[in-house]
C-alpha atoms as a PDB file:
ATOM      1  CA  MET A   1    -125.593 -24.318  20.864  1.00  0.00           C
ATOM      2  CA  ILE A   2    -127.719 -21.152  20.971  1.00  0.00           C
ATOM      3  CA  GLY A   3    -129.342 -21.553  17.556  1.00  0.00           C
ATOM      4  CA  ASP A   4    -127.738 -18.458  16.007  1.00  0.00           C
ATOM      5  CA  HIS A   5    -127.337 -19.960  12.541  1.00  0.00           C
ATOM      6  CA  ARG A   6    -126.411 -16.709  10.771  1.00  0.00           C
ATOM      7  CA  SER A   7    -123.542 -15.941  13.140  1.00  0.00           C
ATOM      8  CA  ALA A   8    -122.333 -19.525  12.894  1.00  0.00           C
ATOM      9  CA  SER A   9    -122.361 -19.290   9.114  1.00  0.00           C
ATOM     10  CA  LYS A  10    -120.341 -16.053   9.100  1.00  0.00           C
ATOM     11  CA  CYS A  11    -117.755 -17.512  11.501  1.00  0.00           C
ATOM     12  CA  LEU A  12    -117.362 -20.701   9.468  1.00  0.00           C
ATOM     13  CA  GLU A  13    -117.064 -18.822   6.174  1.00  0.00           C
ATOM     14  CA  LYS A  14    -114.410 -16.561   7.696  1.00  0.00           C
ATOM     15  CA  ALA A  15    -112.480 -19.542   9.057  1.00  0.00           C
ATOM     16  CA  ALA A  16    -112.557 -21.233   5.647  1.00  0.00           C
ATOM     17  CA  LYS A  17    -111.109 -18.120   4.000  1.00  0.00           C
ATOM     18  CA  LEU A  18    -108.335 -17.913   6.591  1.00  0.00           C
ATOM     19  CA  GLU A  19    -107.433 -21.601   6.218  1.00  0.00           C
ATOM     20  CA  PRO A  20    -108.572 -22.757   2.758  1.00  0.00           C
ATOM     21  CA  ASN A  21    -106.641 -26.030   3.037  1.00  0.00           C
ATOM     22  CA  CYS A  22    -108.255 -27.075   6.317  1.00  0.00           C
ATOM     23  CA  MET A  23    -110.564 -29.915   5.339  1.00  0.00           C
ATOM     24  CA  SER A  24    -112.469 -29.984   8.642  1.00  0.00           C
ATOM     25  CA  THR A  25    -113.391 -26.296   8.321  1.00  0.00           C
ATOM     26  CA  ARG A  26    -114.508 -26.647   4.707  1.00  0.00           C
ATOM     27  CA  TYR A  27    -116.499 -29.732   5.631  1.00  0.00           C
ATOM     28  CA  ALA A  28    -118.181 -27.811   8.477  1.00  0.00           C
ATOM     29  CA  VAL A  29    -119.079 -24.984   6.078  1.00  0.00           C
ATOM     30  CA  ALA A  30    -120.669 -27.454   3.667  1.00  0.00           C
ATOM     31  CA  VAL A  31    -122.613 -29.234   6.417  1.00  0.00           C
ATOM     32  CA  HIS A  32    -123.896 -25.882   7.691  1.00  0.00           C
ATOM     33  CA  ARG A  33    -125.121 -25.060   4.178  1.00  0.00           C
ATOM     34  CA  ILE A  34    -126.954 -28.405   4.035  1.00  0.00           C
ATOM     35  CA  LYS A  35    -128.689 -27.650   7.345  1.00  0.00           C
ATOM     36  CA  ASP A  36    -129.645 -24.176   6.098  1.00  0.00           C
ATOM     37  CA  ALA A  37    -131.211 -25.707   2.989  1.00  0.00           C
ATOM     38  CA  GLU A  38    -133.092 -28.280   5.064  1.00  0.00           C
ATOM     39  CA  ARG A  39    -134.448 -25.574   7.373  1.00  0.00           C
ATOM     40  CA  SER A  40    -135.586 -23.382   4.477  1.00  0.00           C
ATOM     41  CA  GLN A  41    -136.601 -26.298   2.190  1.00  0.00           C
ATOM     42  CA  ASP A  42    -134.790 -24.409  -0.585  1.00  0.00           C
ATOM     43  CA  PRO A  43    -133.064 -26.819  -2.968  1.00  0.00           C
ATOM     44  CA  SER A  44    -131.123 -24.208  -4.905  1.00  0.00           C
ATOM     45  CA  GLU A  45    -128.103 -22.124  -3.919  1.00  0.00           C
ATOM     46  CA  GLN A  46    -127.072 -23.476  -0.519  1.00  0.00           C
ATOM     47  CA  LEU A  47    -127.132 -27.120  -1.595  1.00  0.00           C
ATOM     48  CA  SER A  48    -125.265 -26.331  -4.796  1.00  0.00           C
ATOM     49  CA  LEU A  49    -122.558 -24.560  -2.804  1.00  0.00           C
ATOM     50  CA  ALA A  50    -122.388 -27.428  -0.328  1.00  0.00           C
ATOM     51  CA  GLY A  51    -122.126 -29.975  -3.126  1.00  0.00           C
ATOM     52  CA  ASN A  52    -119.367 -27.979  -4.806  1.00  0.00           C
ATOM     53  CA  GLU A  53    -117.475 -27.772  -1.514  1.00  0.00           C
ATOM     54  CA  MET A  54    -117.690 -31.519  -0.869  1.00  0.00           C
ATOM     55  CA  ALA A  55    -116.720 -32.302  -4.460  1.00  0.00           C
ATOM     56  CA  SER A  56    -113.733 -29.934  -4.283  1.00  0.00           C
ATOM     57  CA  ILE A  57    -112.527 -31.642  -1.102  1.00  0.00           C
ATOM     58  CA  LEU A  58    -112.580 -34.955  -2.978  1.00  0.00           C
ATOM     59  CA  ARG A  59    -110.821 -33.493  -6.042  1.00  0.00           C
ATOM     60  CA  GLU A  60    -108.068 -31.903  -3.954  1.00  0.00           C
ATOM     61  CA  GLY A  61    -107.277 -35.042  -2.011  1.00  0.00           C
ATOM     62  CA  ASP A  62    -103.631 -34.931  -3.085  1.00  0.00           C
ATOM     63  CA  SER A  63    -103.018 -31.420  -1.796  1.00  0.00           C
ATOM     64  CA  VAL A  64    -104.832 -31.497   1.552  1.00  0.00           C
ATOM     65  CA  PRO A  65    -105.016 -34.052   4.363  1.00  0.00           C
ATOM     66  CA  ILE A  66    -108.283 -35.847   3.673  1.00  0.00           C
ATOM     67  CA  ASP A  67    -110.413 -38.661   5.015  1.00  0.00           C
ATOM     68  CA  LEU A  68    -112.180 -40.016   1.929  1.00  0.00           C
ATOM     69  CA  PRO A  69    -115.043 -41.766   3.770  1.00  0.00           C
ATOM     70  CA  ILE A  70    -115.952 -38.489   5.487  1.00  0.00           C
ATOM     71  CA  ALA A  71    -115.800 -36.532   2.228  1.00  0.00           C
ATOM     72  CA  TRP A  72    -117.981 -39.052   0.377  1.00  0.00           C
ATOM     73  CA  ALA A  73    -120.385 -39.110   3.305  1.00  0.00           C
ATOM     74  CA  GLY A  74    -120.609 -35.330   3.089  1.00  0.00           C
ATOM     75  CA  LEU A  75    -121.418 -35.454  -0.609  1.00  0.00           C
ATOM     76  CA  GLY A  76    -123.992 -38.118   0.163  1.00  0.00           C
ATOM     77  CA  MET A  77    -125.598 -35.776   2.699  1.00  0.00           C
ATOM     78  CA  VAL A  78    -125.901 -33.102   0.011  1.00  0.00           C
ATOM     79  CA  HIS A  79    -127.556 -35.419  -2.496  1.00  0.00           C
ATOM     80  CA  LYS A  80    -129.784 -36.967   0.191  1.00  0.00           C
ATOM     81  CA  ALA A  81    -131.037 -33.505   1.190  1.00  0.00           C
ATOM     82  CA  GLN A  82    -131.551 -32.569  -2.471  1.00  0.00           C
ATOM     83  CA  HIS A  83    -133.671 -35.684  -2.987  1.00  0.00           C
ATOM     84  CA  GLU A  84    -135.774 -35.133   0.153  1.00  0.00           C
ATOM     85  CA  ILE A  85    -136.497 -31.502  -0.750  1.00  0.00           C
ATOM     86  CA  ALA A  86    -137.184 -32.325  -4.403  1.00  0.00           C
ATOM     87  CA  ALA A  87    -139.574 -35.119  -3.364  1.00  0.00           C
ATOM     88  CA  ALA A  88    -141.529 -32.674  -1.194  1.00  0.00           C
ATOM     89  CA  PHE A  89    -142.304 -30.448  -4.187  1.00  0.00           C
ATOM     90  CA  ASP A  90    -143.867 -31.035  -7.592  1.00  0.00           C
ATOM     91  CA  THR A  91    -140.654 -32.146  -9.239  1.00  0.00           C
ATOM     92  CA  GLU A  92    -140.574 -33.811 -12.662  1.00  0.00           C
ATOM     93  CA  SER A  93    -140.161 -37.588 -12.295  1.00  0.00           C
ATOM     94  CA  ASN A  94    -137.033 -37.651 -14.491  1.00  0.00           C
ATOM     95  CA  GLU A  95    -135.392 -34.927 -12.424  1.00  0.00           C
ATOM     96  CA  LEU A  96    -136.349 -36.645  -9.171  1.00  0.00           C
ATOM     97  CA  MET A  97    -134.915 -39.941 -10.426  1.00  0.00           C
ATOM     98  CA  GLU A  98    -131.666 -38.221 -11.368  1.00  0.00           C
ATOM     99  CA  VAL A  99    -131.360 -36.636  -7.915  1.00  0.00           C
ATOM    100  CA  GLU A 100    -132.041 -40.000  -6.256  1.00  0.00           C
ATOM    101  CA  GLU A 101    -129.392 -41.711  -8.389  1.00  0.00           C
ATOM    102  CA  CYS A 102    -126.833 -39.089  -7.301  1.00  0.00           C
ATOM    103  CA  ALA A 103    -127.803 -39.600  -3.654  1.00  0.00           C
ATOM    104  CA  LEU A 104    -127.519 -43.380  -3.856  1.00  0.00           C
ATOM    105  CA  TYR A 105    -124.186 -43.238  -5.690  1.00  0.00           C
ATOM    106  CA  SER A 106    -122.616 -40.912  -3.106  1.00  0.00           C
ATOM    107  CA  LEU A 107    -124.043 -42.775  -0.102  1.00  0.00           C
ATOM    108  CA  LYS A 108    -122.891 -46.142  -1.446  1.00  0.00           C
ATOM    109  CA  GLN A 109    -119.467 -44.735  -2.330  1.00  0.00           C
ATOM    110  CA  ALA A 110    -119.082 -43.586   1.285  1.00  0.00           C
ATOM    111  CA  ILE A 111    -119.801 -47.177   2.387  1.00  0.00           C
ATOM    112  CA  ALA A 112    -117.303 -48.550  -0.140  1.00  0.00           C
ATOM    113  CA  GLU A 113    -114.590 -46.301   1.313  1.00  0.00           C
ATOM    114  CA  ASP A 114    -115.152 -47.710   4.813  1.00  0.00           C
ATOM    115  CA  PRO A 115    -117.539 -50.714   4.955  1.00  0.00           C
ATOM    116  CA  ASP A 116    -117.058 -51.116   8.713  1.00  0.00           C
ATOM    117  CA  ASP A 117    -118.377 -47.655   9.531  1.00  0.00           C
ATOM    118  CA  GLY A 118    -121.953 -48.039  10.769  1.00  0.00           C
ATOM    119  CA  VAL A 119    -122.632 -44.321  10.301  1.00  0.00           C
ATOM    120  CA  GLN A 120    -122.463 -44.629   6.496  1.00  0.00           C
ATOM    121  CA  TRP A 121    -124.851 -47.604   6.474  1.00  0.00           C
ATOM    122  CA  HIS A 122    -127.127 -45.594   8.747  1.00  0.00           C
ATOM    123  CA  GLN A 123    -127.146 -42.670   6.294  1.00  0.00           C
ATOM    124  CA  LEU A 124    -128.142 -44.971   3.445  1.00  0.00           C
ATOM    125  CA  GLY A 125    -130.849 -46.543   5.588  1.00  0.00           C
ATOM    126  CA  LEU A 126    -132.209 -43.108   6.467  1.00  0.00           C
ATOM    127  CA  HIS A 127    -132.317 -42.206   2.777  1.00  0.00           C
ATOM    128  CA  TYR A 128    -134.514 -45.222   2.065  1.00  0.00           C
ATOM    129  CA  LEU A 129    -136.603 -44.478   5.160  1.00  0.00           C
ATOM    130  CA  CYS A 130    -137.251 -40.902   3.968  1.00  0.00           C
ATOM    131  CA  SER A 131    -138.036 -42.308   0.503  1.00  0.00           C
ATOM    132  CA  ARG A 132    -140.643 -44.594   2.130  1.00  0.00           C
ATOM    133  CA  GLN A 133    -138.820 -47.713   0.935  1.00  0.00           C
ATOM    134  CA  PHE A 134    -139.164 -49.382   4.296  1.00  0.00           C
ATOM    135  CA  LYS A 135    -137.847 -52.858   3.511  1.00  0.00           C
ATOM    136  CA  ALA A 136    -134.693 -51.425   1.945  1.00  0.00           C
ATOM    137  CA  ALA A 137    -134.318 -49.090   4.938  1.00  0.00           C
ATOM    138  CA  GLU A 138    -134.660 -52.043   7.301  1.00  0.00           C
ATOM    139  CA  LYS A 139    -131.964 -53.953   5.400  1.00  0.00           C
ATOM    140  CA  TYR A 140    -129.350 -51.189   5.660  1.00  0.00           C
ATOM    141  CA  LEU A 141    -130.254 -50.100   9.178  1.00  0.00           C
ATOM    142  CA  LYS A 142    -129.761 -53.686  10.353  1.00  0.00           C
ATOM    143  CA  VAL A 143    -126.228 -53.560   8.956  1.00  0.00           C
ATOM    144  CA  ALA A 144    -125.694 -50.186  10.646  1.00  0.00           C
ATOM    145  CA  ALA A 145    -126.823 -51.553  14.007  1.00  0.00           C
ATOM    146  CA  SER A 146    -124.539 -54.572  13.610  1.00  0.00           C
ATOM    147  CA  ARG A 147    -121.577 -52.275  12.882  1.00  0.00           C
ATOM    148  CA  SER A 148    -122.305 -49.846  15.740  1.00  0.00           C
ATOM    149  CA  ARG A 149    -124.084 -52.011  18.257  1.00  0.00           C
ATOM    150  CA  GLU A 150    -124.080 -49.468  21.076  1.00  0.00           C
ATOM    151  CA  CYS A 151    -125.600 -46.578  19.085  1.00  0.00           C
ATOM    152  CA  CYS A 152    -129.193 -46.207  20.286  1.00  0.00           C
ATOM    153  CA  TYR A 153    -130.224 -43.992  17.348  1.00  0.00           C
ATOM    154  CA  MET A 154    -129.408 -46.718  14.841  1.00  0.00           C
ATOM    155  CA  TRP A 155    -131.545 -49.183  16.787  1.00  0.00           C
ATOM    156  CA  SER A 156    -134.349 -46.647  17.148  1.00  0.00           C
ATOM    157  CA  ASN A 157    -134.419 -45.864  13.413  1.00  0.00           C
ATOM    158  CA  LEU A 158    -134.297 -49.588  12.686  1.00  0.00           C
ATOM    159  CA  GLY A 159    -137.379 -49.893  14.903  1.00  0.00           C
ATOM    160  CA  ILE A 160    -139.140 -47.205  12.867  1.00  0.00           C
ATOM    161  CA  SER A 161    -138.370 -48.988   9.581  1.00  0.00           C
ATOM    162  CA  ILE A 162    -139.657 -52.303  10.964  1.00  0.00           C
ATOM    163  CA  GLN A 163    -142.755 -50.634  12.394  1.00  0.00           C
ATOM    164  CA  LEU A 164    -143.517 -49.031   9.032  1.00  0.00           C
ATOM    165  CA  SER A 165    -142.997 -52.427   7.392  1.00  0.00           C
ATOM    166  CA  GLU A 166    -145.910 -53.550   9.589  1.00  0.00           C
ATOM    167  CA  GLU A 167    -143.965 -55.882  11.859  1.00  0.00           C
ATOM    168  CA  PRO A 168    -145.016 -54.423  15.248  1.00  0.00           C
ATOM    169  CA  SER A 169    -143.781 -57.193  17.545  1.00  0.00           C
ATOM    170  CA  GLN A 170    -140.278 -57.029  16.063  1.00  0.00           C
ATOM    171  CA  ALA A 171    -140.348 -53.222  16.215  1.00  0.00           C
ATOM    172  CA  GLU A 172    -141.153 -53.305  19.932  1.00  0.00           C
ATOM    173  CA  ASP A 173    -138.171 -55.580  20.593  1.00  0.00           C
ATOM    174  CA  VAL A 174    -135.850 -53.293  18.610  1.00  0.00           C
ATOM    175  CA  TYR A 175    -137.070 -50.164  20.429  1.00  0.00           C
ATOM    176  CA  LYS A 176    -136.304 -51.917  23.711  1.00  0.00           C
ATOM    177  CA  GLN A 177    -132.815 -52.673  22.397  1.00  0.00           C
ATOM    178  CA  ALA A 178    -132.466 -48.951  21.669  1.00  0.00           C
ATOM    179  CA  LEU A 179    -133.610 -48.059  25.192  1.00  0.00           C
ATOM    180  CA  ALA A 180    -131.062 -50.462  26.680  1.00  0.00           C
ATOM    181  CA  ARG A 181    -128.330 -48.487  24.901  1.00  0.00           C
ATOM    182  CA  ALA A 182    -129.716 -44.980  25.345  1.00  0.00           C
ATOM    183  CA  THR A 183    -128.265 -42.382  27.678  1.00  0.00           C
ATOM    184  CA  PRO A 184    -130.674 -40.238  29.733  1.00  0.00           C
ATOM    185  CA  GLU A 185    -130.179 -37.485  27.128  1.00  0.00           C
ATOM    186  CA  GLN A 186    -131.198 -39.831  24.291  1.00  0.00           C
ATOM    187  CA  ALA A 187    -133.962 -41.955  25.803  1.00  0.00           C
ATOM    188  CA  HIS A 188    -136.829 -39.466  25.366  1.00  0.00           C
ATOM    189  CA  ALA A 189    -136.863 -39.910  21.572  1.00  0.00           C
ATOM    190  CA  VAL A 190    -136.944 -43.698  21.862  1.00  0.00           C
ATOM    191  CA  PHE A 191    -139.754 -43.617  24.456  1.00  0.00           C
ATOM    192  CA  SER A 192    -141.701 -41.382  22.061  1.00  0.00           C
ATOM    193  CA  ASN A 193    -141.169 -43.813  19.168  1.00  0.00           C
ATOM    194  CA  LEU A 194    -142.268 -46.732  21.334  1.00  0.00           C
ATOM    195  CA  GLY A 195    -145.322 -44.743  22.422  1.00  0.00           C
ATOM    196  CA  ASN A 196    -146.191 -44.147  18.784  1.00  0.00           C
ATOM    197  CA  LEU A 197    -146.031 -47.889  18.151  1.00  0.00           C
ATOM    198  CA  TYR A 198    -148.421 -48.556  21.052  1.00  0.00           C
ATOM    199  CA  ARG A 199    -150.718 -45.782  19.812  1.00  0.00           C
ATOM    200  CA  GLN A 200    -150.941 -47.402  16.401  1.00  0.00           C
ATOM    201  CA  GLN A 201    -151.696 -50.719  18.104  1.00  0.00           C
ATOM    202  CA  LYS A 202    -154.480 -48.955  20.069  1.00  0.00           C
ATOM    203  CA  LYS A 203    -152.738 -49.750  23.369  1.00  0.00           C
ATOM    204  CA  TYR A 204    -153.522 -46.260  24.577  1.00  0.00           C
ATOM    205  CA  ASP A 205    -152.581 -46.615  28.252  1.00  0.00           C
ATOM    206  CA  ARG A 206    -149.146 -47.929  27.307  1.00  0.00           C
ATOM    207  CA  ALA A 207    -148.774 -45.202  24.717  1.00  0.00           C
ATOM    208  CA  LYS A 208    -149.598 -42.465  27.233  1.00  0.00           C
ATOM    209  CA  ALA A 209    -147.108 -43.944  29.691  1.00  0.00           C
ATOM    210  CA  MET A 210    -144.350 -43.826  27.062  1.00  0.00           C
ATOM    211  CA  PHE A 211    -145.117 -40.247  25.995  1.00  0.00           C
ATOM    212  CA  THR A 212    -145.293 -39.155  29.616  1.00  0.00           C
ATOM    213  CA  LYS A 213    -141.895 -40.739  30.265  1.00  0.00           C
ATOM    214  CA  ALA A 214    -140.461 -38.969  27.197  1.00  0.00           C
ATOM    215  CA  LEU A 215    -141.758 -35.625  28.477  1.00  0.00           C
ATOM    216  CA  GLU A 216    -140.378 -36.269  31.957  1.00  0.00           C
ATOM    217  CA  LEU A 217    -136.939 -36.766  30.421  1.00  0.00           C
ATOM    218  CA  GLN A 218    -137.264 -33.916  27.915  1.00  0.00           C
ATOM    219  CA  PRO A 219    -139.958 -31.397  28.890  1.00  0.00           C
ATOM    220  CA  GLY A 220    -141.277 -29.654  25.804  1.00  0.00           C
ATOM    221  CA  TYR A 221    -140.390 -32.473  23.396  1.00  0.00           C
ATOM    222  CA  ALA A 222    -142.745 -31.563  20.548  1.00  0.00           C
ATOM    223  CA  PRO A 223    -143.172 -34.999  18.866  1.00  0.00           C
ATOM    224  CA  ALA A 224    -144.189 -36.556  22.194  1.00  0.00           C
ATOM    225  CA  PHE A 225    -146.784 -33.826  22.820  1.00  0.00           C
ATOM    226  CA  ASN A 226    -148.120 -34.216  19.275  1.00  0.00           C
ATOM    227  CA  ASN A 227    -148.444 -37.987  19.517  1.00  0.00           C
ATOM    228  CA  LEU A 228    -149.953 -37.785  23.000  1.00  0.00           C
ATOM    229  CA  GLY A 229    -152.521 -35.445  21.484  1.00  0.00           C
ATOM    230  CA  LEU A 230    -153.339 -38.114  18.897  1.00  0.00           C
ATOM    231  CA  VAL A 231    -154.004 -40.607  21.696  1.00  0.00           C
ATOM    232  CA  PHE A 232    -156.496 -38.165  23.224  1.00  0.00           C
ATOM    233  CA  VAL A 233    -158.082 -37.719  19.781  1.00  0.00           C
ATOM    234  CA  ALA A 234    -158.566 -41.497  19.561  1.00  0.00           C
ATOM    235  CA  GLU A 235    -160.202 -41.394  22.993  1.00  0.00           C
ATOM    236  CA  GLY A 236    -162.432 -38.475  22.028  1.00  0.00           C
ATOM    237  CA  ARG A 237    -160.857 -36.185  24.639  1.00  0.00           C
ATOM    238  CA  TRP A 238    -160.705 -33.053  22.519  1.00  0.00           C
ATOM    239  CA  GLU A 239    -159.650 -30.492  25.124  1.00  0.00           C
ATOM    240  CA  GLU A 240    -156.699 -32.612  26.238  1.00  0.00           C
ATOM    241  CA  ALA A 241    -155.809 -33.174  22.584  1.00  0.00           C
ATOM    242  CA  LYS A 242    -155.860 -29.454  21.790  1.00  0.00           C
ATOM    243  CA  TYR A 243    -153.724 -28.738  24.852  1.00  0.00           C
ATOM    244  CA  CYS A 244    -151.097 -31.239  23.665  1.00  0.00           C
ATOM    245  CA  PHE A 245    -151.055 -29.881  20.120  1.00  0.00           C
ATOM    246  CA  SER A 246    -150.672 -26.330  21.449  1.00  0.00           C
ATOM    247  CA  LYS A 247    -147.753 -27.434  23.649  1.00  0.00           C
ATOM    248  CA  ALA A 248    -146.160 -29.137  20.631  1.00  0.00           C
ATOM    249  CA  LEU A 249    -146.444 -25.927  18.608  1.00  0.00           C
ATOM    250  CA  GLU A 250    -145.155 -23.881  21.514  1.00  0.00           C
ATOM    251  CA  ALA A 251    -142.056 -26.066  21.543  1.00  0.00           C
ATOM    252  CA  ASP A 252    -141.702 -26.238  17.743  1.00  0.00           C
ATOM    253  CA  SER A 253    -143.742 -23.738  15.737  1.00  0.00           C
ATOM    254  CA  LEU A 254    -142.653 -25.420  12.475  1.00  0.00           C
ATOM    255  CA  LEU A 255    -144.059 -28.846  13.337  1.00  0.00           C
ATOM    256  CA  ASP A 256    -146.570 -29.158  10.486  1.00  0.00           C
ATOM    257  CA  ALA A 257    -148.177 -32.322  11.880  1.00  0.00           C
ATOM    258  CA  ALA A 258    -149.134 -30.504  15.085  1.00  0.00           C
ATOM    259  CA  LYS A 259    -150.535 -27.550  13.101  1.00  0.00           C
ATOM    260  CA  SER A 260    -152.707 -29.869  11.029  1.00  0.00           C
ATOM    261  CA  ASN A 261    -153.801 -31.869  14.063  1.00  0.00           C
ATOM    262  CA  MET A 262    -154.732 -28.710  15.968  1.00  0.00           C
ATOM    263  CA  ILE A 263    -156.911 -27.472  13.090  1.00  0.00           C
ATOM    264  CA  LYS A 264    -158.703 -30.819  12.857  1.00  0.00           C
ATOM    265  CA  ALA A 265    -159.165 -31.072  16.649  1.00  0.00           C
ATOM    266  CA  GLU A 266    -160.593 -27.552  16.880  1.00  0.00           C
ATOM    267  CA  SER A 267    -162.980 -28.257  13.991  1.00  0.00           C
ATOM    268  CA  VAL A 268    -164.272 -31.519  15.478  1.00  0.00           C
ATOM    269  CA  SER A 269    -164.477 -29.969  18.951  1.00  0.00           C
ATOM    270  CA  ARG A 270    -166.635 -27.102  17.622  1.00  0.00           C
ATOM    271  CA  SER A 271    -168.876 -29.517  15.732  1.00  0.00           C
ATOM    272  CA  SER A 272    -169.327 -31.654  18.850  1.00  0.00           C
ATOM    273  CA  ALA A 273    -170.139 -28.609  20.966  1.00  0.00           C
ATOM    274  CA  ALA A 274    -172.688 -27.440  18.361  1.00  0.00           C
ATOM    275  CA  ARG A 275    -174.411 -30.843  18.347  1.00  0.00           C
ATOM    276  CA  ILE A 276    -174.606 -30.865  22.148  1.00  0.00           C
ATOM    277  CA  GLY A 277    -175.957 -27.301  22.157  1.00  0.00           C
ATOM    278  CA  SER A 278    -178.706 -28.125  19.681  1.00  0.00           C
END
């Protein structure tokens, strides 16, 4: 995984041309197009191509070996990405509603094809989470966690939905369930989420301990640096805050929250210095 997206795209496209009836290759091409669209926040060509690819896999089910739940899940990913990108821009309400209806239909169809697959419930829960419909997200993520009880990410995202539904004590318990299931490679994200909960509860020492643990497990984890910076902001420790935001941006230059936080911290820090100087 070296992050060379263009080379990966060329290789996948070539493989699909060599074996046009290989569903797994065509699915990989479509997923790569979805990720390209998400990175560029461009809702046009790549997502249309990905949607066409997923739809063609479904249409050609008689002529190629196919796993319908996977194909419907892929189409759901396309529509989910289309909705998230459309919602981020000034999109007409009718158009946005149409995109959301497509996303929900595809995501629910994937569940109908295999109701026991927790991954499909998780996808639907994430859609509602990204749409800021937190109670609906909580409902579907609970089903996902019950279907795939050992998947820490499902528990962690369930914790986020509960936290955003303003049920902090339940969220803390769910994050701890996620930690109990997390591998060392996964735990940093859960520690960061738990730290964010403590930060919002103004339990700053606990929050700093969680973010520090996340960074011990995954040095350079941008969300943990960003949220640790917010703890220092709350404590009025502007230099430490700016250091954390700069480390977050060093790790992920596209993290908009850290960019915004850095600008605000620098502005307040300058104003404080000017007041002291006068």
